[in-house]
Amino acid sequence: MNQSDPLLEISFPGKVIHWRGPAPFYFVALPDDQVGEVRWAARIASYGWGCVPVDASADQLAFSTALFPKDGGYMLPLKAEERKKLGIDLGDVVAITMQINAPH
């Protein structure tokens, strides 16, 4: 694996949900069938508390964030700025693409 190659790249449709965890409250849950792959990449990329830095896009709007571990899976936060640009609201289904990179 080349230093610039991602550890993992996945795409999936996800429903926007509300969770009263750490802000920003709006998340897309990763599909159960992809949690194992993310967990593998997280062993290398996680920076603490189980959070995993990712480069992601929702409906092709790119942003950087970190996955939050929750109930054996992971939640992708959608920041207010990204949601407002796209007009995303609770219950919407968005096209997610996500990449986990090795730390530099």
C-alpha atoms as a PDB file:
ATOM      1  CA  MET A   1       0.000   0.000   0.000  1.00  0.00           C
ATOM      2  CA  ASN A   2       1.294   3.379  -1.028  1.00  0.00           C
ATOM      3  CA  GLN A   3       1.383   6.130   1.677  1.00  0.00           C
ATOM      4  CA  SER A   4      -1.209   8.118  -0.291  1.00  0.00           C
ATOM      5  CA  ASP A   5      -3.568   5.148  -0.845  1.00  0.00           C
ATOM      6  CA  PRO A   6      -6.620   5.227   1.434  1.00  0.00           C
ATOM      7  CA  LEU A   7      -6.972   2.478   4.031  1.00  0.00           C
ATOM      8  CA  LEU A   8     -10.630   2.220   3.073  1.00  0.00           C
ATOM      9  CA  GLU A   9     -13.070   3.861   0.683  1.00  0.00           C
ATOM     10  CA  ILE A  10     -16.781   3.079   0.826  1.00  0.00           C
ATOM     11  CA  SER A  11     -20.017   4.498  -0.559  1.00  0.00           C
ATOM     12  CA  PHE A  12     -23.557   3.965   0.660  1.00  0.00           C
ATOM     13  CA  PRO A  13     -26.944   5.656   0.918  1.00  0.00           C
ATOM     14  CA  GLY A  14     -27.762   6.747   4.459  1.00  0.00           C
ATOM     15  CA  LYS A  15     -30.726   8.225   6.272  1.00  0.00           C
ATOM     16  CA  VAL A  16     -30.098  11.393   8.308  1.00  0.00           C
ATOM     17  CA  ILE A  17     -30.937  10.800  11.965  1.00  0.00           C
ATOM     18  CA  HIS A  18     -30.850  12.854  15.162  1.00  0.00           C
ATOM     19  CA  TRP A  19     -28.809  11.673  18.147  1.00  0.00           C
ATOM     20  CA  ARG A  20     -28.336  13.665  21.320  1.00  0.00           C
ATOM     21  CA  GLY A  21     -24.680  12.786  21.590  1.00  0.00           C
ATOM     22  CA  PRO A  22     -21.848  15.208  21.067  1.00  0.00           C
ATOM     23  CA  ALA A  23     -22.739  18.079  18.733  1.00  0.00           C
ATOM     24  CA  PRO A  24     -23.561  18.347  15.819  1.00  0.00           C
ATOM     25  CA  PHE A  25     -26.567  16.044  16.534  1.00  0.00           C
ATOM     26  CA  TYR A  26     -27.233  15.045  12.888  1.00  0.00           C
ATOM     27  CA  PHE A  27     -25.646  11.810  11.719  1.00  0.00           C
ATOM     28  CA  VAL A  28     -25.756   9.035   9.163  1.00  0.00           C
ATOM     29  CA  ALA A  29     -25.209   5.554  10.591  1.00  0.00           C
ATOM     30  CA  LEU A  30     -22.760   3.376   8.701  1.00  0.00           C
ATOM     31  CA  PRO A  31     -24.352   0.205   7.325  1.00  0.00           C
ATOM     32  CA  ASP A  32     -23.802  -2.827   9.553  1.00  0.00           C
ATOM     33  CA  ASP A  33     -22.186  -4.766   6.691  1.00  0.00           C
ATOM     34  CA  GLN A  34     -19.377  -2.176   6.443  1.00  0.00           C
ATOM     35  CA  VAL A  35     -18.581  -1.773  10.147  1.00  0.00           C
ATOM     36  CA  GLY A  36     -15.985  -4.570  10.093  1.00  0.00           C
ATOM     37  CA  GLU A  37     -14.002  -2.880   7.323  1.00  0.00           C
ATOM     38  CA  VAL A  38     -14.133   0.444   9.163  1.00  0.00           C
ATOM     39  CA  ARG A  39     -13.059  -1.236  12.407  1.00  0.00           C
ATOM     40  CA  TRP A  40     -10.039  -2.713  10.575  1.00  0.00           C
ATOM     41  CA  ALA A  41      -8.997   0.704   9.192  1.00  0.00           C
ATOM     42  CA  ALA A  42      -9.685   2.347  12.572  1.00  0.00           C
ATOM     43  CA  ARG A  43      -6.929   0.246  14.189  1.00  0.00           C
ATOM     44  CA  ILE A  44      -4.463   2.325  12.171  1.00  0.00           C
ATOM     45  CA  ALA A  45      -6.269   5.658  11.782  1.00  0.00           C
ATOM     46  CA  SER A  46      -8.090   6.214  15.104  1.00  0.00           C
ATOM     47  CA  TYR A  47      -6.752   9.059  17.215  1.00  0.00           C
ATOM     48  CA  GLY A  48      -8.465   8.245  20.504  1.00  0.00           C
ATOM     49  CA  TRP A  49     -11.837   7.532  22.089  1.00  0.00           C
ATOM     50  CA  GLY A  50     -12.542   5.358  19.060  1.00  0.00           C
ATOM     51  CA  CYS A  51     -13.012   8.379  16.768  1.00  0.00           C
ATOM     52  CA  VAL A  52     -11.839   7.826  13.194  1.00  0.00           C
ATOM     53  CA  PRO A  53     -10.875  10.779  10.943  1.00  0.00           C
ATOM     54  CA  VAL A  54     -12.476  10.598   7.496  1.00  0.00           C
ATOM     55  CA  ASP A  55     -12.719  12.559   4.298  1.00  0.00           C
ATOM     56  CA  ALA A  56     -16.329  12.276   3.231  1.00  0.00           C
ATOM     57  CA  SER A  57     -18.930  13.640   0.903  1.00  0.00           C
ATOM     58  CA  ALA A  58     -22.701  13.847   1.188  1.00  0.00           C
ATOM     59  CA  ASP A  59     -24.434  14.229  -2.157  1.00  0.00           C
ATOM     60  CA  GLN A  60     -20.999  15.149  -3.604  1.00  0.00           C
ATOM     61  CA  LEU A  61     -20.258  17.985  -1.135  1.00  0.00           C
ATOM     62  CA  ALA A  62     -16.822  17.155   0.329  1.00  0.00           C
ATOM     63  CA  PHE A  63     -15.885  17.689   3.986  1.00  0.00           C
ATOM     64  CA  SER A  64     -13.607  16.283   6.685  1.00  0.00           C
ATOM     65  CA  THR A  65     -14.877  14.956   9.999  1.00  0.00           C
ATOM     66  CA  ALA A  66     -14.472  12.000  12.358  1.00  0.00           C
ATOM     67  CA  LEU A  67     -16.684   8.965  12.836  1.00  0.00           C
ATOM     68  CA  PHE A  68     -18.090   8.452  16.336  1.00  0.00           C
ATOM     69  CA  PRO A  69     -18.350   4.910  17.690  1.00  0.00           C
ATOM     70  CA  LYS A  70     -21.869   4.042  18.888  1.00  0.00           C
ATOM     71  CA  ASP A  71     -23.417   0.725  19.919  1.00  0.00           C
ATOM     72  CA  GLY A  72     -20.835  -1.361  18.049  1.00  0.00           C
ATOM     73  CA  GLY A  73     -21.131   0.715  14.872  1.00  0.00           C
ATOM     74  CA  TYR A  74     -20.126   4.147  13.690  1.00  0.00           C
ATOM     75  CA  MET A  75     -21.947   7.420  13.115  1.00  0.00           C
ATOM     76  CA  LEU A  76     -20.894   9.962  10.479  1.00  0.00           C
ATOM     77  CA  PRO A  77     -21.651  13.498  11.715  1.00  0.00           C
ATOM     78  CA  LEU A  78     -23.151  15.997   9.306  1.00  0.00           C
ATOM     79  CA  LYS A  79     -22.096  19.485  10.285  1.00  0.00           C
ATOM     80  CA  ALA A  80     -24.642  22.292  10.109  1.00  0.00           C
ATOM     81  CA  GLU A  81     -22.668  24.086   7.397  1.00  0.00           C
ATOM     82  CA  GLU A  82     -22.783  21.062   5.050  1.00  0.00           C
ATOM     83  CA  ARG A  83     -26.435  20.312   5.805  1.00  0.00           C
ATOM     84  CA  LYS A  84     -27.481  23.907   5.076  1.00  0.00           C
ATOM     85  CA  LYS A  85     -25.559  24.054   1.782  1.00  0.00           C
ATOM     86  CA  LEU A  86     -27.372  20.922   0.584  1.00  0.00           C
ATOM     87  CA  GLY A  87     -30.737  21.529   2.241  1.00  0.00           C
ATOM     88  CA  ILE A  88     -30.407  18.225   4.124  1.00  0.00           C
ATOM     89  CA  ASP A  89     -32.875  17.582   6.945  1.00  0.00           C
ATOM     90  CA  LEU A  90     -33.885  14.754   9.268  1.00  0.00           C
ATOM     91  CA  GLY A  91     -35.126  11.683   7.447  1.00  0.00           C
ATOM     92  CA  ASP A  92     -33.471  12.575   4.141  1.00  0.00           C
ATOM     93  CA  VAL A  93     -31.451   9.867   2.423  1.00  0.00           C
ATOM     94  CA  VAL A  94     -28.074  11.084   1.191  1.00  0.00           C
ATOM     95  CA  ALA A  95     -25.360   9.503  -0.949  1.00  0.00           C
ATOM     96  CA  ILE A  96     -22.278   9.127   1.258  1.00  0.00           C
ATOM     97  CA  THR A  97     -18.736   8.461   0.071  1.00  0.00           C
ATOM     98  CA  MET A  98     -16.131   8.116   2.772  1.00  0.00           C
ATOM     99  CA  GLN A  99     -12.386   7.580   2.852  1.00  0.00           C
ATOM    100  CA  ILE A 100     -10.147   6.639   5.788  1.00  0.00           C
ATOM    101  CA  ASN A 101      -6.482   7.514   5.367  1.00  0.00           C
ATOM    102  CA  ALA A 102      -3.408   6.416   7.280  1.00  0.00           C
ATOM    103  CA  PRO A 103      -2.060   9.074   9.649  1.00  0.00           C
ATOM    104  CA  HIS A 104       0.818  11.142   8.217  1.00  0.00           C
END
